[in-house]
Amino acid sequence: MWTANTVQDLPAIARSVREALGNRRKIAVLGDMGAGKTTFTKAFCAELGIADATSSPTFSIINEYAYTEANGTEALLHHLDLYRLKSLEEALDIGVEDVLYDPWYCIIEWPQIIEPILPEHTAVLRIELMGDGSRYFSLTHQ
């Protein structure tokens, strides 16, 4: 659906992804190590107007960022990096369900471990690293 040749292409892709989501707020991001999952998430956060410095939650597992929606409503974005988790039970123990079923945006890196509990209308963003160094982004809905 979209190709990023450089990191400068990501703001436009993040905007397009946000528009394509419609009312969906949960995004499972798939891609190999180094494909750009966290870098895309930073661009998506910037698209929402999140001014905080965003970082990978590899060790904290869940990061939370506040922002203000266009209508003035205070909102949150949760960024999950589940790479280090070993089981669905471990994810449940840290409260992943709380952020999967709240009304806010939730971007989930390495979502495979929680696939059985992903909300029904989760969007799936695949990032594929191409041979020339570009990234190909495709968005589907469950």
C-alpha atoms as a PDB file:
ATOM      1  CA  MET A   1       0.000   0.000   0.000  1.00  0.00           C
ATOM      2  CA  TRP A   2       2.813   2.436   0.885  1.00  0.00           C
ATOM      3  CA  THR A   3       6.557   2.466   0.329  1.00  0.00           C
ATOM      4  CA  ALA A   4       9.072   4.385   2.432  1.00  0.00           C
ATOM      5  CA  ASN A   5      12.379   4.999   0.719  1.00  0.00           C
ATOM      6  CA  THR A   6      13.662   7.115   3.615  1.00  0.00           C
ATOM      7  CA  VAL A   7      12.569   7.964   7.148  1.00  0.00           C
ATOM      8  CA  GLN A   8      11.284  11.272   5.756  1.00  0.00           C
ATOM      9  CA  ASP A   9       8.473   9.315   4.046  1.00  0.00           C
ATOM     10  CA  LEU A  10       7.075   8.094   7.375  1.00  0.00           C
ATOM     11  CA  PRO A  11       4.991  11.146   8.386  1.00  0.00           C
ATOM     12  CA  ALA A  12       2.892  10.841   5.223  1.00  0.00           C
ATOM     13  CA  ILE A  13       2.548   7.083   5.706  1.00  0.00           C
ATOM     14  CA  ALA A  14       1.535   7.541   9.358  1.00  0.00           C
ATOM     15  CA  ARG A  15      -1.115  10.055   8.269  1.00  0.00           C
ATOM     16  CA  SER A  16      -2.402   7.654   5.604  1.00  0.00           C
ATOM     17  CA  VAL A  17      -2.512   4.764   8.071  1.00  0.00           C
ATOM     18  CA  ARG A  18      -4.420   6.886  10.582  1.00  0.00           C
ATOM     19  CA  GLU A  19      -6.955   7.832   7.914  1.00  0.00           C
ATOM     20  CA  ALA A  20      -7.274   4.219   6.729  1.00  0.00           C
ATOM     21  CA  LEU A  21      -7.964   3.004  10.274  1.00  0.00           C
ATOM     22  CA  GLY A  22     -11.309   4.753  10.422  1.00  0.00           C
ATOM     23  CA  ASN A  23     -12.677   4.081  13.917  1.00  0.00           C
ATOM     24  CA  ARG A  24     -10.204   1.290  14.648  1.00  0.00           C
ATOM     25  CA  ARG A  25      -7.767   2.058  17.458  1.00  0.00           C
ATOM     26  CA  LYS A  26      -5.775  -1.164  17.846  1.00  0.00           C
ATOM     27  CA  ILE A  27      -2.858  -1.820  15.485  1.00  0.00           C
ATOM     28  CA  ALA A  28      -0.839  -5.045  15.466  1.00  0.00           C
ATOM     29  CA  VAL A  29       2.495  -4.282  13.779  1.00  0.00           C
ATOM     30  CA  LEU A  30       4.305  -7.172  12.129  1.00  0.00           C
ATOM     31  CA  GLY A  31       7.807  -7.095  10.724  1.00  0.00           C
ATOM     32  CA  ASP A  32      11.220  -8.616  11.122  1.00  0.00           C
ATOM     33  CA  MET A  33      13.749  -7.216  13.574  1.00  0.00           C
ATOM     34  CA  GLY A  34      14.942  -3.886  12.159  1.00  0.00           C
ATOM     35  CA  ALA A  35      12.005  -3.475   9.766  1.00  0.00           C
ATOM     36  CA  GLY A  36      10.990  -0.184  11.378  1.00  0.00           C
ATOM     37  CA  LYS A  37       8.156  -1.001  13.770  1.00  0.00           C
ATOM     38  CA  THR A  38       9.299   1.411  16.483  1.00  0.00           C
ATOM     39  CA  THR A  39      10.281   4.070  13.945  1.00  0.00           C
ATOM     40  CA  PHE A  40       6.797   3.879  12.414  1.00  0.00           C
ATOM     41  CA  THR A  41       5.279   4.150  15.896  1.00  0.00           C
ATOM     42  CA  LYS A  42       7.275   7.341  16.519  1.00  0.00           C
ATOM     43  CA  ALA A  43       5.913   8.793  13.267  1.00  0.00           C
ATOM     44  CA  PHE A  44       2.366   7.760  14.220  1.00  0.00           C
ATOM     45  CA  CYS A  45       2.776   9.429  17.620  1.00  0.00           C
ATOM     46  CA  ALA A  46       3.984  12.606  15.919  1.00  0.00           C
ATOM     47  CA  GLU A  47       0.936  12.437  13.603  1.00  0.00           C
ATOM     48  CA  LEU A  48      -1.268  12.489  16.715  1.00  0.00           C
ATOM     49  CA  GLY A  49       0.641  15.484  18.078  1.00  0.00           C
ATOM     50  CA  ILE A  50       2.395  13.616  20.866  1.00  0.00           C
ATOM     51  CA  ALA A  51       5.189  15.897  21.984  1.00  0.00           C
ATOM     52  CA  ASP A  52       6.810  13.470  24.445  1.00  0.00           C
ATOM     53  CA  ALA A  53       9.969  11.721  23.351  1.00  0.00           C
ATOM     54  CA  THR A  54       8.831   8.283  22.268  1.00  0.00           C
ATOM     55  CA  SER A  55      11.003   5.235  22.705  1.00  0.00           C
ATOM     56  CA  SER A  56      10.806   1.498  22.357  1.00  0.00           C
ATOM     57  CA  PRO A  57       9.155  -0.190  25.345  1.00  0.00           C
ATOM     58  CA  THR A  58      11.356  -3.268  24.933  1.00  0.00           C
ATOM     59  CA  PHE A  59      12.145  -3.336  28.652  1.00  0.00           C
ATOM     60  CA  SER A  60       9.101  -1.568  30.097  1.00  0.00           C
ATOM     61  CA  ILE A  61       6.830  -3.546  27.710  1.00  0.00           C
ATOM     62  CA  ILE A  62       4.123  -0.830  27.752  1.00  0.00           C
ATOM     63  CA  ASN A  63       4.639   2.901  27.194  1.00  0.00           C
ATOM     64  CA  GLU A  64       1.794   5.384  27.504  1.00  0.00           C
ATOM     65  CA  TYR A  65       1.617   8.773  25.795  1.00  0.00           C
ATOM     66  CA  ALA A  66      -0.980  11.500  26.294  1.00  0.00           C
ATOM     67  CA  TYR A  67      -2.230  13.762  23.524  1.00  0.00           C
ATOM     68  CA  THR A  68      -5.223  15.950  22.684  1.00  0.00           C
ATOM     69  CA  GLU A  69      -7.568  14.882  19.896  1.00  0.00           C
ATOM     70  CA  ALA A  70      -8.806  17.382  17.302  1.00  0.00           C
ATOM     71  CA  ASN A  71     -12.062  17.845  19.236  1.00  0.00           C
ATOM     72  CA  GLY A  72     -10.149  18.815  22.396  1.00  0.00           C
ATOM     73  CA  THR A  73     -10.575  15.469  24.156  1.00  0.00           C
ATOM     74  CA  GLU A  74      -7.618  14.245  26.199  1.00  0.00           C
ATOM     75  CA  ALA A  75      -6.550  10.835  24.921  1.00  0.00           C
ATOM     76  CA  LEU A  76      -3.855   8.179  25.265  1.00  0.00           C
ATOM     77  CA  LEU A  77      -1.764   5.993  23.007  1.00  0.00           C
ATOM     78  CA  HIS A  78      -0.335   2.756  24.377  1.00  0.00           C
ATOM     79  CA  HIS A  79       2.765   1.308  22.716  1.00  0.00           C
ATOM     80  CA  LEU A  80       3.444  -2.340  23.499  1.00  0.00           C
ATOM     81  CA  ASP A  81       6.591  -4.269  22.637  1.00  0.00           C
ATOM     82  CA  LEU A  82       5.916  -7.916  23.448  1.00  0.00           C
ATOM     83  CA  TYR A  83       9.198  -9.300  22.098  1.00  0.00           C
ATOM     84  CA  ARG A  84      10.468 -10.398  25.526  1.00  0.00           C
ATOM     85  CA  LEU A  85       7.266 -12.156  26.623  1.00  0.00           C
ATOM     86  CA  LYS A  86       7.274 -15.934  26.629  1.00  0.00           C
ATOM     87  CA  SER A  87       3.549 -16.711  26.960  1.00  0.00           C
ATOM     88  CA  LEU A  88       0.030 -15.375  26.783  1.00  0.00           C
ATOM     89  CA  GLU A  89      -0.224 -15.846  30.549  1.00  0.00           C
ATOM     90  CA  GLU A  90       2.750 -13.537  31.048  1.00  0.00           C
ATOM     91  CA  ALA A  91       0.996 -10.900  28.909  1.00  0.00           C
ATOM     92  CA  LEU A  92      -2.185 -11.268  30.934  1.00  0.00           C
ATOM     93  CA  ASP A  93      -0.211 -10.943  34.190  1.00  0.00           C
ATOM     94  CA  ILE A  94       1.128  -7.523  33.167  1.00  0.00           C
ATOM     95  CA  GLY A  95      -2.348  -6.255  32.254  1.00  0.00           C
ATOM     96  CA  VAL A  96      -2.252  -6.281  28.463  1.00  0.00           C
ATOM     97  CA  GLU A  97      -6.018  -6.821  28.305  1.00  0.00           C
ATOM     98  CA  ASP A  98      -6.580  -3.456  29.978  1.00  0.00           C
ATOM     99  CA  VAL A  99      -5.035  -1.570  27.053  1.00  0.00           C
ATOM    100  CA  LEU A 100      -6.459  -3.869  24.373  1.00  0.00           C
ATOM    101  CA  TYR A 101     -10.016  -3.100  25.385  1.00  0.00           C
ATOM    102  CA  ASP A 102      -9.834   0.569  26.336  1.00  0.00           C
ATOM    103  CA  PRO A 103     -10.955   3.284  23.874  1.00  0.00           C
ATOM    104  CA  TRP A 104      -7.451   4.572  23.075  1.00  0.00           C
ATOM    105  CA  TYR A 105      -4.945   3.871  20.337  1.00  0.00           C
ATOM    106  CA  CYS A 106      -2.763   0.853  21.002  1.00  0.00           C
ATOM    107  CA  ILE A 107       0.183  -0.074  18.782  1.00  0.00           C
ATOM    108  CA  ILE A 108       1.443  -3.589  19.427  1.00  0.00           C
ATOM    109  CA  GLU A 109       4.867  -4.753  18.278  1.00  0.00           C
ATOM    110  CA  TRP A 110       5.389  -8.521  18.197  1.00  0.00           C
ATOM    111  CA  PRO A 111       1.635  -9.214  18.726  1.00  0.00           C
ATOM    112  CA  GLN A 112       1.798 -12.933  17.894  1.00  0.00           C
ATOM    113  CA  ILE A 113       1.930 -13.984  21.563  1.00  0.00           C
ATOM    114  CA  ILE A 114      -1.424 -12.304  22.293  1.00  0.00           C
ATOM    115  CA  GLU A 115      -3.166 -13.142  19.028  1.00  0.00           C
ATOM    116  CA  PRO A 116      -5.917 -15.168  20.782  1.00  0.00           C
ATOM    117  CA  ILE A 117      -7.024 -12.100  22.776  1.00  0.00           C
ATOM    118  CA  LEU A 118      -6.642  -9.338  20.173  1.00  0.00           C
ATOM    119  CA  PRO A 119      -9.867  -7.355  19.772  1.00  0.00           C
ATOM    120  CA  GLU A 120     -12.009  -8.395  16.827  1.00  0.00           C
ATOM    121  CA  HIS A 121     -11.369  -5.268  14.766  1.00  0.00           C
ATOM    122  CA  THR A 122      -7.612  -4.990  15.226  1.00  0.00           C
ATOM    123  CA  ALA A 123      -5.818  -3.556  12.198  1.00  0.00           C
ATOM    124  CA  VAL A 124      -2.690  -5.400  11.063  1.00  0.00           C
ATOM    125  CA  LEU A 125       0.185  -3.327   9.701  1.00  0.00           C
ATOM    126  CA  ARG A 126       2.900  -5.343   7.992  1.00  0.00           C
ATOM    127  CA  ILE A 127       6.289  -3.746   7.400  1.00  0.00           C
ATOM    128  CA  GLU A 128       8.530  -5.516   4.953  1.00  0.00           C
ATOM    129  CA  LEU A 129      12.182  -4.582   4.489  1.00  0.00           C
ATOM    130  CA  MET A 130      12.962  -4.655   0.775  1.00  0.00           C
ATOM    131  CA  GLY A 131      16.307  -5.543  -0.793  1.00  0.00           C
ATOM    132  CA  ASP A 132      17.035  -1.899  -1.670  1.00  0.00           C
ATOM    133  CA  GLY A 133      16.546  -0.769   1.943  1.00  0.00           C
ATOM    134  CA  SER A 134      13.064   0.641   1.410  1.00  0.00           C
ATOM    135  CA  ARG A 135      10.113  -0.505   3.507  1.00  0.00           C
ATOM    136  CA  TYR A 136       6.781  -1.698   2.174  1.00  0.00           C
ATOM    137  CA  PHE A 137       3.751  -1.102   4.423  1.00  0.00           C
ATOM    138  CA  SER A 138       0.443  -2.917   4.040  1.00  0.00           C
ATOM    139  CA  LEU A 139      -2.629  -2.529   6.227  1.00  0.00           C
ATOM    140  CA  THR A 140      -5.351  -5.127   6.634  1.00  0.00           C
ATOM    141  CA  HIS A 141      -8.183  -5.582   9.098  1.00  0.00           C
ATOM    142  CA  GLN A 142      -9.073  -8.730  11.016  1.00  0.00           C
END
